[in-house]
Structure formats: structure tokens, C-alpha cells
Amino acid sequence: MSTTERSAIEASIQTYFDGLYEGDADKLASVFHETSALTWEQDGKVTVLTRDAWLDAVRTRPSAKSRNLVRDDAILMLDQSGPATAFVKVKCQIPPRYFHDYLNLLKIDGKWIIVQKIYTVETRN
């Protein structure tokens, strides 16, 4: 993976982190493909939420930044398997919820875009 490609992928992920922390749905939309979805396991079942339904929820909840919550997000792993495909594992938090996200990205029109998010969440007191 070239340094340029790695930097471009990291920039998309940083926009994702910033959008989450700031509660900025437009910022998040800029790095998620319109057909993307969020998928997780809940009560033994696969749950899927469309990008737009998720963005609506982001718009209506108080942001982590507005609540002065501690920010702790990081890229844990980045793998570019081809010129237009990448996988990134990240951690982030909106206390008391702590997330590990598996993000699949495609390079579309020269920009790295998240096309699928699978995640797990842990609630801590």
C-alpha cells in the first residue's frame, strides 16, 4: 500500500471519527456510500440499519462533543487488499457505549468511501 493511499484512507476514517464525535450527520454522509448500511448482532439476530436511518438518528441525539464526553478513537488495523478495496478496524466511544467497527471501503471516483459497517458495542457503567 502506498503512503498516499494509506493517508487517503486514514483521512476518510478521521472524517468518520469527527462526524461521530461532533454528531455531524453531513460529515458522516460524506464518507458513507448512499447504499451503505450498519449491521450488528442483537439478541442473537442480525440487525441492519440503512445509512439514512442512522443519519436521522445522529441528527436527533445530543453529540458526544456537546456532552463533553471523553474522546478515544483509533484505527486498530488497516488492510488495503487491492487498488479500490480496503478494510479498517477501529475503536470509538460514546460513553457509556464502546464500539469496535469493521469498515469496508471502496475507492469510488478517486475517494475512499465506507460501503459497509459491521460493529459490536459494549455498555459499561
N, C-alpha and C. Protein backbone atom coordinates (compact mmCIF):
# COMPACT_ATOMS: atom_id res chain seq x y z
N MET A 1 0.86 -1.17 0.00
CA MET A 1 0.00 0.00 0.00
C MET A 1 0.90 1.24 0.00
N SER A 2 0.59 2.16 -0.87
CA SER A 2 1.38 3.37 -0.93
C SER A 2 1.04 4.29 0.24
N THR A 3 1.99 5.14 0.57
CA THR A 3 1.77 6.11 1.64
C THR A 3 0.60 7.04 1.30
N THR A 4 0.48 7.39 0.02
CA THR A 4 -0.60 8.26 -0.44
C THR A 4 -1.96 7.61 -0.22
N GLU A 5 -2.09 6.33 -0.59
CA GLU A 5 -3.36 5.62 -0.42
C GLU A 5 -3.69 5.46 1.06
N ARG A 6 -2.69 5.10 1.84
CA ARG A 6 -2.92 4.94 3.29
C ARG A 6 -3.41 6.26 3.89
N SER A 7 -2.77 7.36 3.51
CA SER A 7 -3.18 8.67 4.02
C SER A 7 -4.61 9.02 3.60
N ALA A 8 -4.99 8.67 2.39
CA ALA A 8 -6.35 8.96 1.90
C ALA A 8 -7.39 8.14 2.67
N ILE A 9 -7.08 6.88 2.93
CA ILE A 9 -7.98 6.03 3.72
C ILE A 9 -8.09 6.58 5.14
N GLU A 10 -6.95 6.90 5.74
CA GLU A 10 -6.95 7.45 7.10
C GLU A 10 -7.74 8.77 7.17
N ALA A 11 -7.68 9.57 6.13
CA ALA A 11 -8.43 10.83 6.11
C ALA A 11 -9.94 10.57 6.12
N SER A 12 -10.39 9.57 5.36
CA SER A 12 -11.82 9.22 5.38
C SER A 12 -12.23 8.74 6.76
N ILE A 13 -11.38 7.93 7.38
CA ILE A 13 -11.70 7.42 8.71
C ILE A 13 -11.70 8.55 9.73
N GLN A 14 -10.79 9.51 9.60
CA GLN A 14 -10.77 10.65 10.52
C GLN A 14 -12.05 11.47 10.38
N THR A 15 -12.55 11.63 9.16
CA THR A 15 -13.82 12.32 8.95
C THR A 15 -14.94 11.56 9.65
N TYR A 16 -14.91 10.23 9.56
CA TYR A 16 -15.88 9.39 10.26
C TYR A 16 -15.81 9.63 11.77
N PHE A 17 -14.60 9.58 12.35
CA PHE A 17 -14.43 9.82 13.78
C PHE A 17 -14.96 11.21 14.19
N ASP A 18 -14.59 12.22 13.41
CA ASP A 18 -15.01 13.58 13.72
C ASP A 18 -16.53 13.72 13.64
N GLY A 19 -17.13 13.14 12.60
CA GLY A 19 -18.58 13.18 12.46
C GLY A 19 -19.29 12.51 13.61
N LEU A 20 -18.77 11.37 14.05
CA LEU A 20 -19.37 10.69 15.20
C LEU A 20 -19.29 11.55 16.45
N TYR A 21 -18.11 12.07 16.74
CA TYR A 21 -17.92 12.83 17.97
C TYR A 21 -18.74 14.12 17.96
N GLU A 22 -18.76 14.79 16.81
CA GLU A 22 -19.46 16.07 16.70
C GLU A 22 -20.97 15.91 16.46
N GLY A 23 -21.40 14.68 16.15
CA GLY A 23 -22.81 14.48 15.82
C GLY A 23 -23.17 15.14 14.50
N ASP A 24 -22.24 15.19 13.58
CA ASP A 24 -22.41 15.87 12.30
C ASP A 24 -22.80 14.86 11.22
N ALA A 25 -24.11 14.75 10.98
CA ALA A 25 -24.62 13.77 10.02
C ALA A 25 -24.14 14.06 8.60
N ASP A 26 -23.98 15.32 8.24
CA ASP A 26 -23.50 15.65 6.90
C ASP A 26 -22.05 15.21 6.70
N LYS A 27 -21.25 15.37 7.74
CA LYS A 27 -19.86 14.92 7.67
C LYS A 27 -19.82 13.40 7.51
N LEU A 28 -20.65 12.70 8.29
CA LEU A 28 -20.72 11.24 8.16
C LEU A 28 -21.19 10.83 6.77
N ALA A 29 -22.21 11.50 6.27
CA ALA A 29 -22.73 11.17 4.93
C ALA A 29 -21.66 11.33 3.86
N SER A 30 -20.72 12.23 4.07
CA SER A 30 -19.68 12.47 3.07
C SER A 30 -18.71 11.30 2.92
N VAL A 31 -18.66 10.40 3.91
CA VAL A 31 -17.74 9.26 3.81
C VAL A 31 -18.46 7.91 3.79
N PHE A 32 -19.80 7.93 3.76
CA PHE A 32 -20.58 6.70 3.65
C PHE A 32 -21.32 6.69 2.33
N HIS A 33 -21.22 5.60 1.60
CA HIS A 33 -21.95 5.48 0.34
C HIS A 33 -23.45 5.46 0.63
N GLU A 34 -24.22 6.01 -0.27
CA GLU A 34 -25.68 6.12 -0.05
C GLU A 34 -26.36 4.77 0.12
N THR A 35 -25.78 3.70 -0.39
CA THR A 35 -26.39 2.36 -0.24
C THR A 35 -25.84 1.60 0.96
N SER A 36 -24.94 2.21 1.72
CA SER A 36 -24.32 1.50 2.84
C SER A 36 -25.32 1.27 3.96
N ALA A 37 -24.96 0.34 4.84
CA ALA A 37 -25.80 0.01 5.98
C ALA A 37 -24.90 -0.32 7.17
N LEU A 38 -25.50 -0.27 8.35
CA LEU A 38 -24.82 -0.66 9.58
C LEU A 38 -25.43 -1.98 10.02
N THR A 39 -24.59 -2.94 10.34
CA THR A 39 -25.05 -4.27 10.69
C THR A 39 -24.44 -4.67 12.01
N TRP A 40 -25.27 -5.26 12.89
CA TRP A 40 -24.79 -5.74 14.17
C TRP A 40 -25.67 -6.88 14.64
N GLU A 41 -25.17 -7.58 15.66
CA GLU A 41 -25.92 -8.68 16.28
C GLU A 41 -26.62 -8.13 17.50
N GLN A 42 -27.91 -8.48 17.63
CA GLN A 42 -28.67 -8.06 18.80
C GLN A 42 -29.62 -9.19 19.18
N ASP A 43 -29.47 -9.70 20.39
CA ASP A 43 -30.31 -10.79 20.89
C ASP A 43 -30.27 -12.01 19.97
N GLY A 44 -29.07 -12.30 19.45
CA GLY A 44 -28.89 -13.46 18.60
C GLY A 44 -29.37 -13.30 17.17
N LYS A 45 -29.75 -12.08 16.80
CA LYS A 45 -30.25 -11.84 15.44
C LYS A 45 -29.43 -10.74 14.78
N VAL A 46 -29.33 -10.84 13.46
CA VAL A 46 -28.67 -9.82 12.68
C VAL A 46 -29.62 -8.63 12.52
N THR A 47 -29.13 -7.45 12.85
CA THR A 47 -29.91 -6.23 12.71
C THR A 47 -29.21 -5.33 11.70
N VAL A 48 -29.99 -4.76 10.79
CA VAL A 48 -29.45 -3.90 9.74
C VAL A 48 -30.17 -2.56 9.78
N LEU A 49 -29.40 -1.49 9.72
CA LEU A 49 -29.95 -0.14 9.69
C LEU A 49 -29.38 0.57 8.46
N THR A 50 -30.22 1.16 7.65
CA THR A 50 -29.73 1.88 6.48
C THR A 50 -28.93 3.11 6.90
N ARG A 51 -28.08 3.54 6.02
CA ARG A 51 -27.29 4.75 6.30
C ARG A 51 -28.19 5.93 6.63
N ASP A 52 -29.24 6.13 5.84
CA ASP A 52 -30.09 7.31 6.04
C ASP A 52 -30.85 7.25 7.35
N ALA A 53 -31.31 6.07 7.76
CA ALA A 53 -31.99 5.94 9.06
C ALA A 53 -31.01 6.24 10.19
N TRP A 54 -29.78 5.79 10.05
CA TRP A 54 -28.74 6.07 11.05
C TRP A 54 -28.45 7.57 11.12
N LEU A 55 -28.31 8.21 9.96
CA LEU A 55 -28.02 9.63 9.93
C LEU A 55 -29.15 10.44 10.58
N ASP A 56 -30.39 10.00 10.37
CA ASP A 56 -31.53 10.66 11.03
C ASP A 56 -31.39 10.56 12.55
N ALA A 57 -30.96 9.40 13.05
CA ALA A 57 -30.77 9.22 14.49
C ALA A 57 -29.64 10.12 15.00
N VAL A 58 -28.56 10.23 14.22
CA VAL A 58 -27.44 11.09 14.61
C VAL A 58 -27.92 12.54 14.73
N ARG A 59 -28.75 12.97 13.80
CA ARG A 59 -29.25 14.36 13.81
C ARG A 59 -30.10 14.67 15.04
N THR A 60 -30.74 13.67 15.62
CA THR A 60 -31.68 13.93 16.72
C THR A 60 -31.11 13.65 18.11
N ARG A 61 -29.90 13.11 18.19
CA ARG A 61 -29.35 12.82 19.52
C ARG A 61 -28.28 13.85 19.86
N PRO A 62 -28.10 14.11 21.15
CA PRO A 62 -27.02 15.03 21.55
C PRO A 62 -25.66 14.41 21.19
N SER A 63 -24.77 15.24 20.69
CA SER A 63 -23.45 14.73 20.30
C SER A 63 -22.59 14.46 21.52
N ALA A 64 -21.60 13.61 21.33
CA ALA A 64 -20.62 13.36 22.40
C ALA A 64 -19.88 14.66 22.73
N LYS A 65 -19.59 15.45 21.71
CA LYS A 65 -18.89 16.73 21.94
C LYS A 65 -19.74 17.67 22.79
N SER A 66 -21.03 17.79 22.48
CA SER A 66 -21.90 18.71 23.23
C SER A 66 -22.08 18.28 24.68
N ARG A 67 -21.86 16.99 24.94
CA ARG A 67 -21.98 16.45 26.29
C ARG A 67 -20.63 16.39 27.00
N ASN A 68 -19.59 16.90 26.34
CA ASN A 68 -18.22 16.90 26.88
C ASN A 68 -17.74 15.50 27.27
N LEU A 69 -18.11 14.52 26.46
CA LEU A 69 -17.67 13.15 26.71
C LEU A 69 -16.23 12.96 26.24
N VAL A 70 -15.53 12.07 26.90
CA VAL A 70 -14.15 11.78 26.54
C VAL A 70 -14.11 11.16 25.15
N ARG A 71 -13.17 11.62 24.36
CA ARG A 71 -13.00 11.09 23.00
C ARG A 71 -11.83 10.11 23.01
N ASP A 72 -12.05 8.94 22.47
CA ASP A 72 -11.00 7.93 22.34
C ASP A 72 -11.31 7.09 21.11
N ASP A 73 -10.79 7.51 19.97
CA ASP A 73 -11.00 6.76 18.74
C ASP A 73 -9.65 6.48 18.09
N ALA A 74 -9.56 5.35 17.42
CA ALA A 74 -8.28 4.98 16.82
C ALA A 74 -8.48 3.91 15.75
N ILE A 75 -7.61 3.94 14.77
CA ILE A 75 -7.53 2.86 13.79
C ILE A 75 -6.71 1.75 14.42
N LEU A 76 -7.28 0.56 14.50
CA LEU A 76 -6.60 -0.60 15.08
C LEU A 76 -5.92 -1.45 14.01
N MET A 77 -6.50 -1.44 12.80
CA MET A 77 -5.94 -2.23 11.70
C MET A 77 -6.40 -1.63 10.39
N LEU A 78 -5.52 -1.61 9.40
CA LEU A 78 -5.87 -1.13 8.08
C LEU A 78 -5.25 -2.07 7.06
N ASP A 79 -6.09 -2.60 6.17
CA ASP A 79 -5.62 -3.53 5.14
C ASP A 79 -6.20 -3.11 3.80
N GLN A 80 -5.32 -2.79 2.86
CA GLN A 80 -5.76 -2.50 1.51
C GLN A 80 -5.46 -3.72 0.67
N SER A 81 -6.52 -4.40 0.23
CA SER A 81 -6.34 -5.66 -0.48
C SER A 81 -6.29 -5.50 -2.00
N GLY A 82 -6.54 -4.32 -2.50
CA GLY A 82 -6.47 -4.05 -3.93
C GLY A 82 -6.49 -2.55 -4.15
N PRO A 83 -6.41 -2.11 -5.40
CA PRO A 83 -6.35 -0.68 -5.65
C PRO A 83 -7.62 0.08 -5.26
N ALA A 84 -8.74 -0.65 -5.11
CA ALA A 84 -10.00 0.02 -4.79
C ALA A 84 -10.74 -0.60 -3.62
N THR A 85 -10.07 -1.46 -2.82
CA THR A 85 -10.72 -2.08 -1.68
C THR A 85 -9.85 -1.98 -0.44
N ALA A 86 -10.51 -1.72 0.70
CA ALA A 86 -9.79 -1.64 1.96
C ALA A 86 -10.71 -2.07 3.09
N PHE A 87 -10.08 -2.56 4.16
CA PHE A 87 -10.78 -2.96 5.38
C PHE A 87 -10.10 -2.24 6.53
N VAL A 88 -10.90 -1.62 7.39
CA VAL A 88 -10.34 -0.89 8.53
C VAL A 88 -11.10 -1.28 9.79
N LYS A 89 -10.36 -1.67 10.82
CA LYS A 89 -10.95 -1.96 12.13
C LYS A 89 -10.63 -0.77 13.01
N VAL A 90 -11.67 -0.23 13.66
CA VAL A 90 -11.48 0.94 14.51
C VAL A 90 -12.16 0.74 15.86
N LYS A 91 -11.76 1.59 16.81
CA LYS A 91 -12.48 1.68 18.07
C LYS A 91 -12.92 3.13 18.24
N CYS A 92 -14.06 3.30 18.88
CA CYS A 92 -14.56 4.63 19.19
C CYS A 92 -15.53 4.50 20.35
N GLN A 93 -15.95 5.63 20.88
CA GLN A 93 -16.82 5.55 22.04
C GLN A 93 -17.75 6.74 22.12
N ILE A 94 -18.91 6.48 22.67
CA ILE A 94 -19.85 7.49 23.13
C ILE A 94 -20.30 6.97 24.49
N PRO A 95 -19.46 7.23 25.52
CA PRO A 95 -19.72 6.64 26.83
C PRO A 95 -21.18 6.83 27.26
N PRO A 96 -21.75 5.77 27.80
CA PRO A 96 -21.13 4.54 28.31
C PRO A 96 -21.03 3.42 27.27
N ARG A 97 -21.16 3.78 25.96
CA ARG A 97 -21.10 2.75 24.91
C ARG A 97 -19.75 2.81 24.20
N TYR A 98 -19.14 1.63 24.06
CA TYR A 98 -17.81 1.49 23.47
C TYR A 98 -17.91 0.55 22.28
N PHE A 99 -17.41 1.01 21.14
CA PHE A 99 -17.62 0.32 19.87
C PHE A 99 -16.32 -0.20 19.27
N HIS A 100 -16.44 -1.32 18.56
CA HIS A 100 -15.43 -1.80 17.62
C HIS A 100 -16.15 -1.92 16.29
N ASP A 101 -15.65 -1.21 15.30
CA ASP A 101 -16.27 -1.18 13.98
C ASP A 101 -15.36 -1.85 12.97
N TYR A 102 -15.97 -2.59 12.06
CA TYR A 102 -15.29 -3.17 10.92
C TYR A 102 -15.85 -2.45 9.70
N LEU A 103 -15.00 -1.64 9.07
CA LEU A 103 -15.44 -0.79 7.97
C LEU A 103 -14.84 -1.28 6.66
N ASN A 104 -15.70 -1.53 5.68
CA ASN A 104 -15.26 -1.90 4.34
C ASN A 104 -15.37 -0.67 3.46
N LEU A 105 -14.28 -0.36 2.77
CA LEU A 105 -14.23 0.82 1.92
C LEU A 105 -13.94 0.45 0.48
N LEU A 106 -14.49 1.25 -0.43
CA LEU A 106 -14.18 1.17 -1.85
C LEU A 106 -13.71 2.54 -2.29
N LYS A 107 -12.78 2.55 -3.25
CA LYS A 107 -12.33 3.81 -3.83
C LYS A 107 -13.22 4.08 -5.03
N ILE A 108 -14.05 5.12 -4.91
CA ILE A 108 -15.01 5.47 -5.95
C ILE A 108 -14.72 6.89 -6.41
N ASP A 109 -14.51 7.04 -7.70
CA ASP A 109 -14.18 8.35 -8.26
C ASP A 109 -13.04 9.02 -7.51
N GLY A 110 -12.04 8.23 -7.14
CA GLY A 110 -10.84 8.76 -6.50
C GLY A 110 -10.96 9.02 -5.01
N LYS A 111 -12.10 8.65 -4.40
CA LYS A 111 -12.30 8.92 -2.97
C LYS A 111 -12.64 7.62 -2.25
N TRP A 112 -12.05 7.42 -1.07
CA TRP A 112 -12.32 6.25 -0.26
C TRP A 112 -13.62 6.45 0.51
N ILE A 113 -14.60 5.55 0.26
CA ILE A 113 -15.94 5.66 0.83
C ILE A 113 -16.27 4.38 1.60
N ILE A 114 -16.90 4.51 2.76
CA ILE A 114 -17.35 3.36 3.54
C ILE A 114 -18.61 2.80 2.89
N VAL A 115 -18.57 1.52 2.53
CA VAL A 115 -19.73 0.90 1.88
C VAL A 115 -20.46 -0.07 2.80
N GLN A 116 -19.82 -0.43 3.92
CA GLN A 116 -20.45 -1.33 4.89
C GLN A 116 -19.79 -1.15 6.24
N LYS A 117 -20.62 -1.13 7.27
CA LYS A 117 -20.11 -1.06 8.65
C LYS A 117 -20.75 -2.19 9.43
N ILE A 118 -19.91 -3.03 10.02
CA ILE A 118 -20.35 -4.07 10.94
C ILE A 118 -19.72 -3.72 12.28
N TYR A 119 -20.49 -3.77 13.35
CA TYR A 119 -19.93 -3.35 14.62
C TYR A 119 -20.47 -4.14 15.80
N THR A 120 -19.73 -3.99 16.89
CA THR A 120 -20.16 -4.53 18.18
C THR A 120 -20.06 -3.39 19.19
N VAL A 121 -20.93 -3.45 20.19
CA VAL A 121 -20.95 -2.40 21.20
C VAL A 121 -20.99 -3.03 22.59
N GLU A 122 -20.26 -2.41 23.49
CA GLU A 122 -20.26 -2.83 24.89
C GLU A 122 -20.71 -1.64 25.72
N THR A 123 -21.66 -1.87 26.61
CA THR A 123 -22.11 -0.81 27.52
C THR A 123 -21.43 -1.01 28.87
N ARG A 124 -20.77 0.04 29.35
CA ARG A 124 -20.08 -0.01 30.64
C ARG A 124 -20.69 1.04 31.54
N ASN A 125 -20.75 0.72 32.82
CA ASN A 125 -21.24 1.68 33.81
C ASN A 125 -20.12 2.52 34.38
